[in-house]
C-alpha atoms as a PDB file:
ATOM      1  CA  MET A   1      32.837 -34.234   9.495  1.00  0.00           C
ATOM      2  CA  ARG A   2      30.467 -37.114   8.887  1.00  0.00           C
ATOM      3  CA  GLN A   3      28.807 -36.507  12.255  1.00  0.00           C
ATOM      4  CA  ILE A   4      28.210 -32.829  11.473  1.00  0.00           C
ATOM      5  CA  LEU A   5      26.549 -33.696   8.165  1.00  0.00           C
ATOM      6  CA  LEU A   6      24.433 -36.300   9.917  1.00  0.00           C
ATOM      7  CA  LEU A   7      23.306 -33.725  12.526  1.00  0.00           C
ATOM      8  CA  VAL A   8      22.411 -31.199   9.816  1.00  0.00           C
ATOM      9  CA  LEU A   9      20.437 -33.834   7.924  1.00  0.00           C
ATOM     10  CA  LEU A  10      18.684 -34.884  11.125  1.00  0.00           C
ATOM     11  CA  PHE A  11      17.782 -31.246  11.835  1.00  0.00           C
ATOM     12  CA  PHE A  12      16.182 -30.778   8.403  1.00  0.00           C
ATOM     13  CA  VAL A  13      14.247 -34.040   8.686  1.00  0.00           C
ATOM     14  CA  ALA A  14      12.957 -33.011  12.124  1.00  0.00           C
ATOM     15  CA  GLN A  15      11.826 -29.611  10.771  1.00  0.00           C
ATOM     16  CA  TRP A  16      10.030 -31.252   7.862  1.00  0.00           C
ATOM     17  CA  LEU A  17       8.361 -33.722  10.206  1.00  0.00           C
ATOM     18  CA  VAL A  18       7.141 -30.970  12.554  1.00  0.00           C
ATOM     19  CA  LYS A  19       5.656 -29.022   9.643  1.00  0.00           C
ATOM     20  CA  ALA A  20       4.034 -32.130   8.203  1.00  0.00           C
ATOM     21  CA  LEU A  21       2.397 -32.931  11.535  1.00  0.00           C
ATOM     22  CA  ARG A  22       1.094 -29.373  11.986  1.00  0.00           C
ATOM     23  CA  ARG A  23      -0.556 -29.210   8.555  1.00  0.00           C
ATOM     24  CA  PRO A  24      -3.254 -31.859   9.185  1.00  0.00           C
ATOM     25  CA  ASP A  25      -3.863 -30.398  12.643  1.00  0.00           C
ATOM     26  CA  ALA A  26      -4.530 -26.950  11.134  1.00  0.00           C
ATOM     27  CA  ARG A  27      -6.833 -28.442   8.487  1.00  0.00           C
ATOM     28  CA  THR A  28      -8.955 -30.308  11.026  1.00  0.00           C
ATOM     29  CA  SER A  29      -9.237 -27.273  13.303  1.00  0.00           C
ATOM     30  CA  SER A  30     -10.396 -25.050  10.412  1.00  0.00           C
ATOM     31  CA  ARG A  31     -12.967 -27.686   9.387  1.00  0.00           C
ATOM     32  CA  ALA A  32     -14.419 -27.853  12.879  1.00  0.00           C
ATOM     33  CA  GLY A  33     -16.673 -24.892  12.023  1.00  0.00           C
ATOM     34  CA  ALA A  34     -18.921 -22.920  14.292  1.00  0.00           C
ATOM     35  CA  PRO A  35     -20.573 -24.648  17.210  1.00  0.00           C
ATOM     36  CA  GLY A  36     -24.138 -25.689  16.545  1.00  0.00           C
ATOM     37  CA  THR A  37     -23.772 -26.545  12.860  1.00  0.00           C
ATOM     38  CA  ALA A  38     -24.714 -30.030  11.784  1.00  0.00           C
ATOM     39  CA  ASP A  39     -21.929 -30.788   9.335  1.00  0.00           C
ATOM     40  CA  GLY A  40     -19.282 -28.331  10.581  1.00  0.00           C
ATOM     41  CA  ALA A  41     -17.759 -27.993   7.100  1.00  0.00           C
ATOM     42  CA  ALA A  42     -19.136 -24.546   6.316  1.00  0.00           C
ATOM     43  CA  GLY A  43     -16.847 -22.710   8.712  1.00  0.00           C
ATOM     44  CA  GLY A  44     -19.418 -20.009   9.462  1.00  0.00           C
ATOM     45  CA  ALA A  45     -18.558 -17.010  11.606  1.00  0.00           C
ATOM     46  CA  GLY A  46     -16.145 -19.027  13.710  1.00  0.00           C
ATOM     47  CA  GLY A  47     -13.867 -19.587  10.723  1.00  0.00           C
ATOM     48  CA  ALA A  48     -13.922 -15.898   9.884  1.00  0.00           C
ATOM     49  CA  ARG A  49     -12.917 -14.987  13.419  1.00  0.00           C
ATOM     50  CA  GLU A  50     -10.067 -17.469  13.326  1.00  0.00           C
ATOM     51  CA  SER A  51      -8.639 -16.110  10.086  1.00  0.00           C
ATOM     52  CA  ALA A  52      -9.051 -12.452  11.072  1.00  0.00           C
ATOM     53  CA  GLY A  53      -7.802 -12.832  14.635  1.00  0.00           C
ATOM     54  CA  ALA A  54      -4.414 -13.629  16.067  1.00  0.00           C
ATOM     55  CA  PRO A  55      -2.384 -16.308  14.298  1.00  0.00           C
ATOM     56  CA  ARG A  56      -2.807 -19.833  15.591  1.00  0.00           C
ATOM     57  CA  GLY A  57       0.116 -21.755  16.948  1.00  0.00           C
ATOM     58  CA  GLY A  58       2.559 -18.859  16.542  1.00  0.00           C
ATOM     59  CA  ARG A  59       2.488 -19.123  12.753  1.00  0.00           C
ATOM     60  CA  ALA A  60       1.539 -15.969  10.906  1.00  0.00           C
ATOM     61  CA  GLY A  61       0.663 -15.384   7.295  1.00  0.00           C
ATOM     62  CA  ASN A  62       0.628 -18.976   6.001  1.00  0.00           C
ATOM     63  CA  GLY A  63      -3.136 -19.076   5.365  1.00  0.00           C
ATOM     64  CA  ALA A  64      -3.647 -22.384   7.179  1.00  0.00           C
ATOM     65  CA  ALA A  65      -6.546 -21.061   9.285  1.00  0.00           C
ATOM     66  CA  ARG A  66      -8.360 -19.442   6.322  1.00  0.00           C
ATOM     67  CA  PRO A  67     -11.567 -21.228   5.355  1.00  0.00           C
ATOM     68  CA  ALA A  68     -11.526 -22.985   1.996  1.00  0.00           C
ATOM     69  CA  GLY A  69     -13.190 -21.231  -0.917  1.00  0.00           C
ATOM     70  CA  ARG A  70     -12.530 -17.679   0.326  1.00  0.00           C
ATOM     71  CA  PRO A  71      -9.884 -15.637  -1.466  1.00  0.00           C
ATOM     72  CA  PRO A  72      -7.397 -13.857   0.783  1.00  0.00           C
ATOM     73  CA  GLU A  73      -8.347 -10.294   1.624  1.00  0.00           C
ATOM     74  CA  LEU A  74      -5.780  -7.862   0.280  1.00  0.00           C
ATOM     75  CA  PRO A  75      -5.015  -4.610   2.067  1.00  0.00           C
ATOM     76  CA  GLU A  76      -6.442  -1.430   0.580  1.00  0.00           C
ATOM     77  CA  PRO A  77      -3.986   0.376  -1.720  1.00  0.00           C
ATOM     78  CA  MET A  78      -2.417   3.559  -0.397  1.00  0.00           C
ATOM     79  CA  ILE A  79      -1.996   6.871  -2.225  1.00  0.00           C
ATOM     80  CA  ARG A  80       0.470   9.695  -1.560  1.00  0.00           C
ATOM     81  CA  CYS A  81      -1.050  13.136  -0.956  1.00  0.00           C
ATOM     82  CA  VAL A  82       0.311  15.697  -3.416  1.00  0.00           C
ATOM     83  CA  GLU A  83       0.077  18.481  -0.828  1.00  0.00           C
ATOM     84  CA  CYS A  84       1.624  16.964   2.305  1.00  0.00           C
ATOM     85  CA  GLY A  85       3.128  13.646   1.157  1.00  0.00           C
ATOM     86  CA  VAL A  86       1.222  11.538   3.698  1.00  0.00           C
ATOM     87  CA  HIS A  87       0.107   8.081   2.554  1.00  0.00           C
ATOM     88  CA  ALA A  88      -3.628   7.532   2.998  1.00  0.00           C
ATOM     89  CA  PRO A  89      -5.998   4.673   2.051  1.00  0.00           C
ATOM     90  CA  LYS A  90      -7.326   5.036  -1.475  1.00  0.00           C
ATOM     91  CA  GLY A  91     -10.929   4.801  -0.237  1.00  0.00           C
ATOM     92  CA  ASP A  92     -10.442   7.808   2.058  1.00  0.00           C
ATOM     93  CA  SER A  93      -8.614   9.929  -0.520  1.00  0.00           C
ATOM     94  CA  VAL A  94      -9.914  12.776  -2.680  1.00  0.00           C
ATOM     95  CA  VAL A  95      -8.901  12.942  -6.350  1.00  0.00           C
ATOM     96  CA  VAL A  96      -9.084  16.361  -7.999  1.00  0.00           C
ATOM     97  CA  GLY A  97      -7.783  16.925 -11.508  1.00  0.00           C
ATOM     98  CA  GLY A  98      -6.099  13.522 -11.499  1.00  0.00           C
ATOM     99  CA  GLN A  99      -4.095  14.417  -8.362  1.00  0.00           C
ATOM    100  CA  PRO A 100      -4.666  12.382  -5.160  1.00  0.00           C
ATOM    101  CA  PHE A 101      -5.074  14.161  -1.809  1.00  0.00           C
ATOM    102  CA  CYS A 102      -5.566  12.875   1.735  1.00  0.00           C
ATOM    103  CA  SER A 103      -8.415  15.350   2.395  1.00  0.00           C
ATOM    104  CA  ALA A 104     -10.593  17.937   0.672  1.00  0.00           C
ATOM    105  CA  ASP A 105      -8.824  20.677   2.655  1.00  0.00           C
ATOM    106  CA  HIS A 106      -5.484  19.715   1.109  1.00  0.00           C
ATOM    107  CA  ALA A 107      -7.055  19.660  -2.363  1.00  0.00           C
ATOM    108  CA  GLN A 108      -8.309  23.229  -1.861  1.00  0.00           C
ATOM    109  CA  ARG A 109      -4.981  24.376  -0.422  1.00  0.00           C
ATOM    110  CA  TYR A 110      -3.126  22.882  -3.386  1.00  0.00           C
ATOM    111  CA  ALA A 111      -5.523  24.545  -5.856  1.00  0.00           C
ATOM    112  CA  VAL A 112      -4.986  27.946  -4.206  1.00  0.00           C
ATOM    113  CA  ARG A 113      -1.219  27.529  -4.218  1.00  0.00           C
ATOM    114  CA  ALA A 114      -1.219  26.386  -7.857  1.00  0.00           C
ATOM    115  CA  ALA A 115      -3.357  29.397  -8.842  1.00  0.00           C
ATOM    116  CA  GLN A 116      -0.938  31.744  -7.039  1.00  0.00           C
ATOM    117  CA  ALA A 117       2.038  30.120  -8.766  1.00  0.00           C
ATOM    118  CA  ALA A 118       0.371  30.454 -12.164  1.00  0.00           C
ATOM    119  CA  GLN A 119      -0.458  34.101 -11.438  1.00  0.00           C
ATOM    120  CA  SER A 120       3.114  34.913 -10.430  1.00  0.00           C
ATOM    121  CA  ALA A 121       4.441  33.114 -13.518  1.00  0.00           C
ATOM    122  CA  GLN A 122       2.155  35.192 -15.732  1.00  0.00           C
ATOM    123  CA  SER A 123       3.248  38.432 -14.068  1.00  0.00           C
ATOM    124  CA  ALA A 124       6.904  37.427 -14.493  1.00  0.00           C
ATOM    125  CA  GLN A 125       6.262  36.737 -18.189  1.00  0.00           C
ATOM    126  CA  ALA A 126       4.562  40.115 -18.556  1.00  0.00           C
ATOM    127  CA  LYS A 127       7.542  41.856 -16.926  1.00  0.00           C
ATOM    128  CA  GLY A 128       9.891  39.952 -19.235  1.00  0.00           C
ATOM    129  CA  ARG A 129       7.978  41.083 -22.317  1.00  0.00           C
ATOM    130  CA  ALA A 130       8.000  44.713 -21.154  1.00  0.00           C
ATOM    131  CA  SER A 131      11.763  44.721 -20.612  1.00  0.00           C
ATOM    132  CA  ARG A 132      12.692  43.003 -23.908  1.00  0.00           C
ATOM    133  CA  PRO A 133      12.214  46.003 -26.259  1.00  0.00           C
ATOM    134  CA  GLY A 134      14.602  48.101 -24.171  1.00  0.00           C
ATOM    135  CA  ARG A 135      17.267  45.392 -24.273  1.00  0.00           C
ATOM    136  CA  GLU A 136      16.773  44.733 -27.948  1.00  0.00           C
ATOM    137  CA  GLY A 137      17.168  48.438 -28.715  1.00  0.00           C
ATOM    138  CA  GLY A 138      20.361  48.496 -26.672  1.00  0.00           C
ATOM    139  CA  ASP A 139      21.684  45.478 -28.535  1.00  0.00           C
ATOM    140  CA  GLN A 140      20.937  47.090 -31.885  1.00  0.00           C
ATOM    141  CA  GLY A 141      22.806  50.204 -30.824  1.00  0.00           C
ATOM    142  CA  ARG A 142      25.896  48.131 -30.002  1.00  0.00           C
ATOM    143  CA  GLU A 143      25.783  46.396 -33.364  1.00  0.00           C
ATOM    144  CA  LYS A 144      25.870  49.721 -35.231  1.00  0.00           C
ATOM    145  CA  ARG A 145      29.066  50.846 -33.514  1.00  0.00           C
END
């Protein structure tokens, strides 16, 4: 039992040591900067390519290769199209009447469909009003019996 605990402890110490050794290596490589600069601390275009490209050393998403002083770039928010349900970038979307759409065509299609629905609802209401007096008269006749 004591040997197993010792092996587990040794494993965690080795992992910590590997991470600690990689951190300074990542810092010095990000400070190297673009070739041709005098001080090399600015990072220049070379630093931007490193942070935007493939992850270095198999590590992804830890921000070690990002140049100092730059905030991380967040992905563009997505919206859900009211017409088709597809998620599209907010910058490419069309907002009409407070409703987000993935394209202007879907905004027009939704407007046409909404107008047709409103028209059919109005005609149903008109039919309901026309049939009410006949039913009310029939109800009154039953009450008198």
